[in-house]
């Protein structure tokens, strides 16, 4: 998901998106451990999505403190 798409979401929506991505990451880690992971690039995609969401959450938090 693009950062521009994430910026339009509320804090609650970002939190639910983060939880969803963390669950997906867990499932992918289990598949990798079992040797069933077909697309290793999915790990990278999910990890980057998590980082994007956390970055936007931190940005909005600091912007709220400054205002």
PDB file of N, CA and C in Angstrom:
ATOM      1  N   UNK A   1       0.843  -1.167   0.000  1.00  0.00           N
ATOM      2  CA  UNK A   1       0.000   0.000   0.000  1.00  0.00           C
ATOM      3  C   UNK A   1       0.895   1.238   0.000  1.00  0.00           C
ATOM      4  N   UNK A   2       0.508   2.232  -0.763  1.00  0.00           N
ATOM      5  CA  UNK A   2       1.304   3.445  -0.876  1.00  0.00           C
ATOM      6  C   UNK A   2       1.107   4.338   0.337  1.00  0.00           C
ATOM      7  N   UNK A   3       2.122   5.147   0.607  1.00  0.00           N
ATOM      8  CA  UNK A   3       2.054   6.063   1.746  1.00  0.00           C
ATOM      9  C   UNK A   3       0.938   7.077   1.561  1.00  0.00           C
ATOM     10  N   UNK A   4       0.711   7.504   0.328  1.00  0.00           N
ATOM     11  CA  UNK A   4      -0.354   8.474   0.080  1.00  0.00           C
ATOM     12  C   UNK A   4      -1.725   7.895   0.424  1.00  0.00           C
ATOM     13  N   UNK A   5      -1.907   6.609   0.190  1.00  0.00           N
ATOM     14  CA  UNK A   5      -3.162   5.959   0.553  1.00  0.00           C
ATOM     15  C   UNK A   5      -3.298   5.865   2.070  1.00  0.00           C
ATOM     16  N   UNK A   6      -2.185   5.630   2.739  1.00  0.00           N
ATOM     17  CA  UNK A   6      -2.220   5.491   4.190  1.00  0.00           C
ATOM     18  C   UNK A   6      -2.447   6.832   4.875  1.00  0.00           C
ATOM     19  N   UNK A   7      -1.949   7.913   4.290  1.00  0.00           N
ATOM     20  CA  UNK A   7      -2.099   9.240   4.894  1.00  0.00           C
ATOM     21  C   UNK A   7      -3.564   9.657   4.996  1.00  0.00           C
ATOM     22  N   UNK A   8      -4.399   9.142   4.109  1.00  0.00           N
ATOM     23  CA  UNK A   8      -5.814   9.514   4.122  1.00  0.00           C
ATOM     24  C   UNK A   8      -6.613   8.764   5.186  1.00  0.00           C
ATOM     25  N   UNK A   9      -5.990   7.796   5.858  1.00  0.00           N
ATOM     26  CA  UNK A   9      -6.692   7.008   6.865  1.00  0.00           C
ATOM     27  C   UNK A   9      -6.561   7.636   8.244  1.00  0.00           C
ATOM     28  N   UNK A  10      -7.537   7.324   9.088  1.00  0.00           N
ATOM     29  CA  UNK A  10      -7.515   7.826  10.459  1.00  0.00           C
ATOM     30  C   UNK A  10      -6.559   6.977  11.304  1.00  0.00           C
ATOM     31  N   UNK A  11      -6.319   7.418  12.531  1.00  0.00           N
ATOM     32  CA  UNK A  11      -5.404   6.706  13.425  1.00  0.00           C
ATOM     33  C   UNK A  11      -5.928   5.297  13.734  1.00  0.00           C
ATOM     34  N   UNK A  12      -7.234   5.171  13.909  1.00  0.00           N
ATOM     35  CA  UNK A  12      -7.815   3.854  14.194  1.00  0.00           C
ATOM     36  C   UNK A  12      -7.664   2.915  13.001  1.00  0.00           C
ATOM     37  N   UNK A  13      -7.860   3.455  11.805  1.00  0.00           N
ATOM     38  CA  UNK A  13      -7.702   2.639  10.597  1.00  0.00           C
ATOM     39  C   UNK A  13      -6.255   2.220  10.416  1.00  0.00           C
ATOM     40  N   UNK A  14      -5.326   3.114  10.727  1.00  0.00           N
ATOM     41  CA  UNK A  14      -3.905   2.762  10.639  1.00  0.00           C
ATOM     42  C   UNK A  14      -3.560   1.665  11.640  1.00  0.00           C
ATOM     43  N   UNK A  15      -4.113   1.772  12.836  1.00  0.00           N
ATOM     44  CA  UNK A  15      -3.853   0.757  13.859  1.00  0.00           C
ATOM     45  C   UNK A  15      -4.376  -0.605  13.423  1.00  0.00           C
ATOM     46  N   UNK A  16      -5.568  -0.652  12.846  1.00  0.00           N
ATOM     47  CA  UNK A  16      -6.122  -1.927  12.391  1.00  0.00           C
ATOM     48  C   UNK A  16      -5.328  -2.466  11.200  1.00  0.00           C
ATOM     49  N   UNK A  17      -4.853  -1.574  10.338  1.00  0.00           N
ATOM     50  CA  UNK A  17      -4.026  -1.985   9.205  1.00  0.00           C
ATOM     51  C   UNK A  17      -2.699  -2.561   9.707  1.00  0.00           C
ATOM     52  N   UNK A  18      -2.138  -1.954  10.745  1.00  0.00           N
ATOM     53  CA  UNK A  18      -0.893  -2.447  11.334  1.00  0.00           C
ATOM     54  C   UNK A  18      -1.081  -3.849  11.909  1.00  0.00           C
ATOM     55  N   UNK A  19      -2.157  -4.041  12.640  1.00  0.00           N
ATOM     56  CA  UNK A  19      -2.434  -5.353  13.240  1.00  0.00           C
ATOM     57  C   UNK A  19      -2.609  -6.413  12.152  1.00  0.00           C
ATOM     58  N   UNK A  20      -3.317  -6.047  11.098  1.00  0.00           N
ATOM     59  CA  UNK A  20      -3.529  -6.968   9.983  1.00  0.00           C
ATOM     60  C   UNK A  20      -2.193  -7.366   9.343  1.00  0.00           C
ATOM     61  N   UNK A  21      -1.307  -6.394   9.147  1.00  0.00           N
ATOM     62  CA  UNK A  21      -0.006  -6.672   8.546  1.00  0.00           C
ATOM     63  C   UNK A  21       0.874  -7.504   9.466  1.00  0.00           C
ATOM     64  N   UNK A  22       0.800  -7.264  10.766  1.00  0.00           N
ATOM     65  CA  UNK A  22       1.576  -8.063  11.709  1.00  0.00           C
ATOM     66  C   UNK A  22       1.110  -9.518  11.708  1.00  0.00           C
ATOM     67  N   UNK A  23      -0.194  -9.725  11.598  1.00  0.00           N
ATOM     68  CA  UNK A  23      -0.721 -11.097  11.516  1.00  0.00           C
ATOM     69  C   UNK A  23      -0.259 -11.775  10.235  1.00  0.00           C
ATOM     70  N   UNK A  24      -0.269 -11.015   9.130  1.00  0.00           N
ATOM     71  CA  UNK A  24       0.192 -11.568   7.859  1.00  0.00           C
ATOM     72  C   UNK A  24       1.677 -11.921   7.938  1.00  0.00           C
ATOM     73  N   UNK A  25       2.463 -11.065   8.589  1.00  0.00           N
ATOM     74  CA  UNK A  25       3.889 -11.327   8.741  1.00  0.00           C
ATOM     75  C   UNK A  25       4.114 -12.602   9.556  1.00  0.00           C
ATOM     76  N   UNK A  26       3.329 -12.774  10.602  1.00  0.00           N
ATOM     77  CA  UNK A  26       3.451 -13.977  11.421  1.00  0.00           C
ATOM     78  C   UNK A  26       3.159 -15.227  10.592  1.00  0.00           C
ATOM     79  N   UNK A  27       2.087 -15.163   9.797  1.00  0.00           N
ATOM     80  CA  UNK A  27       1.741 -16.305   8.950  1.00  0.00           C
ATOM     81  C   UNK A  27       2.832 -16.628   7.950  1.00  0.00           C
ATOM     82  N   UNK A  28       3.423 -15.599   7.379  1.00  0.00           N
ATOM     83  CA  UNK A  28       4.515 -15.813   6.423  1.00  0.00           C
ATOM     84  C   UNK A  28       5.745 -16.408   7.106  1.00  0.00           C
ATOM     85  N   UNK A  29       6.015 -15.968   8.340  1.00  0.00           N
ATOM     86  CA  UNK A  29       7.153 -16.541   9.072  1.00  0.00           C
ATOM     87  C   UNK A  29       6.922 -18.016   9.358  1.00  0.00           C
ATOM     88  N   UNK A  30       5.693 -18.381   9.673  1.00  0.00           N
ATOM     89  CA  UNK A  30       5.381 -19.788   9.927  1.00  0.00           C
ATOM     90  C   UNK A  30       5.539 -20.615   8.650  1.00  0.00           C
ATOM     91  N   UNK A  31       5.093 -20.048   7.520  1.00  0.00           N
ATOM     92  CA  UNK A  31       5.257 -20.744   6.242  1.00  0.00           C
ATOM     93  C   UNK A  31       6.732 -20.935   5.910  1.00  0.00           C
ATOM     94  N   UNK A  32       7.530 -19.897   6.163  1.00  0.00           N
ATOM     95  CA  UNK A  32       8.964 -19.994   5.870  1.00  0.00           C
ATOM     96  C   UNK A  32       9.613 -21.061   6.739  1.00  0.00           C
ATOM     97  N   UNK A  33       9.236 -21.125   8.011  1.00  0.00           N
ATOM     98  CA  UNK A  33       9.808 -22.105   8.920  1.00  0.00           C
ATOM     99  C   UNK A  33       9.436 -23.528   8.510  1.00  0.00           C
ATOM    100  N   UNK A  34       8.238 -23.679   7.959  1.00  0.00           N
ATOM    101  CA  UNK A  34       7.777 -24.999   7.531  1.00  0.00           C
ATOM    102  C   UNK A  34       8.256 -25.348   6.125  1.00  0.00           C
ATOM    103  N   UNK A  35       8.911 -24.401   5.475  1.00  0.00           N
ATOM    104  CA  UNK A  35       9.401 -24.650   4.121  1.00  0.00           C
ATOM    105  C   UNK A  35       8.314 -24.569   3.067  1.00  0.00           C
ATOM    106  N   UNK A  36       7.229 -23.868   3.345  1.00  0.00           N
ATOM    107  CA  UNK A  36       6.101 -23.789   2.417  1.00  0.00           C
ATOM    108  C   UNK A  36       5.938 -22.418   1.780  1.00  0.00           C
ATOM    109  N   UNK A  37       6.863 -21.498   2.042  1.00  0.00           N
ATOM    110  CA  UNK A  37       6.752 -20.142   1.518  1.00  0.00           C
ATOM    111  C   UNK A  37       7.096 -20.135   0.032  1.00  0.00           C
ATOM    112  N   UNK A  38       6.102 -19.780  -0.804  1.00  0.00           N
ATOM    113  CA  UNK A  38       6.294 -19.799  -2.245  1.00  0.00           C
ATOM    114  C   UNK A  38       6.899 -18.506  -2.767  1.00  0.00           C
ATOM    115  N   UNK A  39       6.528 -17.367  -2.158  1.00  0.00           N
ATOM    116  CA  UNK A  39       7.018 -16.067  -2.620  1.00  0.00           C
ATOM    117  C   UNK A  39       7.778 -15.372  -1.489  1.00  0.00           C
ATOM    118  N   UNK A  40       9.082 -15.513  -1.443  1.00  0.00           N
ATOM    119  CA  UNK A  40       9.860 -14.856  -0.388  1.00  0.00           C
ATOM    120  C   UNK A  40       9.751 -13.334  -0.434  1.00  0.00           C
ATOM    121  N   UNK A  41       9.401 -12.781  -1.579  1.00  0.00           N
ATOM    122  CA  UNK A  41       9.275 -11.335  -1.698  1.00  0.00           C
ATOM    123  C   UNK A  41       8.105 -10.793  -0.879  1.00  0.00           C
ATOM    124  N   UNK A  42       7.165 -11.658  -0.518  1.00  0.00           N
ATOM    125  CA  UNK A  42       6.038 -11.233   0.308  1.00  0.00           C
ATOM    126  C   UNK A  42       6.509 -10.775   1.690  1.00  0.00           C
ATOM    127  N   UNK A  43       7.557 -11.413   2.202  1.00  0.00           N
ATOM    128  CA  UNK A  43       8.115 -11.021   3.497  1.00  0.00           C
ATOM    129  C   UNK A  43       8.588  -9.570   3.437  1.00  0.00           C
ATOM    130  N   UNK A  44       9.277  -9.228   2.381  1.00  0.00           N
ATOM    131  CA  UNK A  44       9.806  -7.877   2.202  1.00  0.00           C
ATOM    132  C   UNK A  44       8.668  -6.864   2.068  1.00  0.00           C
ATOM    133  N   UNK A  45       7.645  -7.215   1.306  1.00  0.00           N
ATOM    134  CA  UNK A  45       6.508  -6.312   1.093  1.00  0.00           C
ATOM    135  C   UNK A  45       5.792  -6.012   2.399  1.00  0.00           C
ATOM    136  N   UNK A  46       5.529  -7.039   3.190  1.00  0.00           N
ATOM    137  CA  UNK A  46       4.811  -6.865   4.449  1.00  0.00           C
ATOM    138  C   UNK A  46       5.664  -6.077   5.442  1.00  0.00           C
ATOM    139  N   UNK A  47       6.948  -6.390   5.495  1.00  0.00           N
ATOM    140  CA  UNK A  47       7.837  -5.681   6.415  1.00  0.00           C
ATOM    141  C   UNK A  47       7.876  -4.187   6.096  1.00  0.00           C
ATOM    142  N   UNK A  48       7.923  -3.855   4.823  1.00  0.00           N
ATOM    143  CA  UNK A  48       7.942  -2.447   4.416  1.00  0.00           C
ATOM    144  C   UNK A  48       6.612  -1.759   4.695  1.00  0.00           C
ATOM    145  N   UNK A  49       5.506  -2.481   4.511  1.00  0.00           N
ATOM    146  CA  UNK A  49       4.194  -1.901   4.837  1.00  0.00           C
ATOM    147  C   UNK A  49       4.104  -1.574   6.323  1.00  0.00           C
ATOM    148  N   UNK A  50       4.614  -2.470   7.157  1.00  0.00           N
ATOM    149  CA  UNK A  50       4.606  -2.233   8.602  1.00  0.00           C
ATOM    150  C   UNK A  50       5.425  -0.990   8.924  1.00  0.00           C
ATOM    151  N   UNK A  51       6.584  -0.861   8.298  1.00  0.00           N
ATOM    152  CA  UNK A  51       7.437   0.303   8.539  1.00  0.00           C
ATOM    153  C   UNK A  51       6.748   1.589   8.091  1.00  0.00           C
ATOM    154  N   UNK A  52       6.063   1.550   6.945  1.00  0.00           N
ATOM    155  CA  UNK A  52       5.339   2.730   6.458  1.00  0.00           C
ATOM    156  C   UNK A  52       4.271   3.172   7.450  1.00  0.00           C
ATOM    157  N   UNK A  53       3.507   2.198   7.924  1.00  0.00           N
ATOM    158  CA  UNK A  53       2.416   2.508   8.845  1.00  0.00           C
ATOM    159  C   UNK A  53       2.971   3.078  10.146  1.00  0.00           C
ATOM    160  N   UNK A  54       4.018   2.467  10.689  1.00  0.00           N
ATOM    161  CA  UNK A  54       4.596   2.953  11.938  1.00  0.00           C
ATOM    162  C   UNK A  54       5.171   4.350  11.765  1.00  0.00           C
ATOM    163  N   UNK A  55       5.769   4.627  10.617  1.00  0.00           N
ATOM    164  CA  UNK A  55       6.320   5.946  10.347  1.00  0.00           C
ATOM    165  C   UNK A  55       5.210   6.991  10.317  1.00  0.00           C
ATOM    166  N   UNK A  56       4.124   6.696   9.630  1.00  0.00           N
ATOM    167  CA  UNK A  56       3.008   7.637   9.555  1.00  0.00           C
ATOM    168  C   UNK A  56       2.368   7.863  10.924  1.00  0.00           C
ATOM    169  N   UNK A  57       2.296   6.809  11.720  1.00  0.00           N
ATOM    170  CA  UNK A  57       1.731   6.951  13.059  1.00  0.00           C
ATOM    171  C   UNK A  57       2.628   7.851  13.911  1.00  0.00           C
ATOM    172  N   UNK A  58       3.932   7.702  13.790  1.00  0.00           N
ATOM    173  CA  UNK A  58       4.861   8.538  14.539  1.00  0.00           C
ATOM    174  C   UNK A  58       4.798   9.983  14.059  1.00  0.00           C
ATOM    175  N   UNK A  59       4.679  10.178  12.764  1.00  0.00           N
ATOM    176  CA  UNK A  59       4.574  11.530  12.205  1.00  0.00           C
ATOM    177  C   UNK A  59       3.330  12.236  12.728  1.00  0.00           C
ATOM    178  N   UNK A  60       2.218  11.539  12.730  1.00  0.00           N
ATOM    179  CA  UNK A  60       0.979  12.166  13.191  1.00  0.00           C
ATOM    180  C   UNK A  60       1.043  12.443  14.695  1.00  0.00           C
ATOM    181  N   UNK A  61       1.742  11.591  15.420  1.00  0.00           N
ATOM    182  CA  UNK A  61       1.876  11.794  16.864  1.00  0.00           C
ATOM    183  C   UNK A  61       2.710  13.047  17.148  1.00  0.00           C
ATOM    184  N   UNK A  62       3.825  13.206  16.446  1.00  0.00           N
ATOM    185  CA  UNK A  62       4.667  14.379  16.672  1.00  0.00           C
ATOM    186  C   UNK A  62       3.990  15.641  16.153  1.00  0.00           C
ATOM    187  N   UNK A  63       3.240  15.534  15.070  1.00  0.00           N
ATOM    188  CA  UNK A  63       2.523  16.696  14.538  1.00  0.00           C
ATOM    189  C   UNK A  63       1.443  17.134  15.529  1.00  0.00           C
ATOM    190  N   UNK A  64       0.838  16.189  16.213  1.00  0.00           N
ATOM    191  CA  UNK A  64      -0.181  16.511  17.213  1.00  0.00           C
ATOM    192  C   UNK A  64       0.425  17.180  18.434  1.00  0.00           C
ATOM    193  N   UNK A  65       1.653  16.813  18.792  1.00  0.00           N
ATOM    194  CA  UNK A  65       2.311  17.419  19.949  1.00  0.00           C
ATOM    195  C   UNK A  65       2.769  18.849  19.670  1.00  0.00           C
ATOM    196  N   UNK A  66       3.128  19.123  18.419  1.00  0.00           N
ATOM    197  CA  UNK A  66       3.615  20.450  18.060  1.00  0.00           C
ATOM    198  C   UNK A  66       2.489  21.455  17.914  1.00  0.00           C
ATOM    199  N   UNK A  67       1.317  20.995  17.542  1.00  0.00           N
ATOM    200  CA  UNK A  67       0.200  21.919  17.280  1.00  0.00           C
ATOM    201  C   UNK A  67      -0.406  22.460  18.546  1.00  0.00           C
TER     202      UNK A  67
END
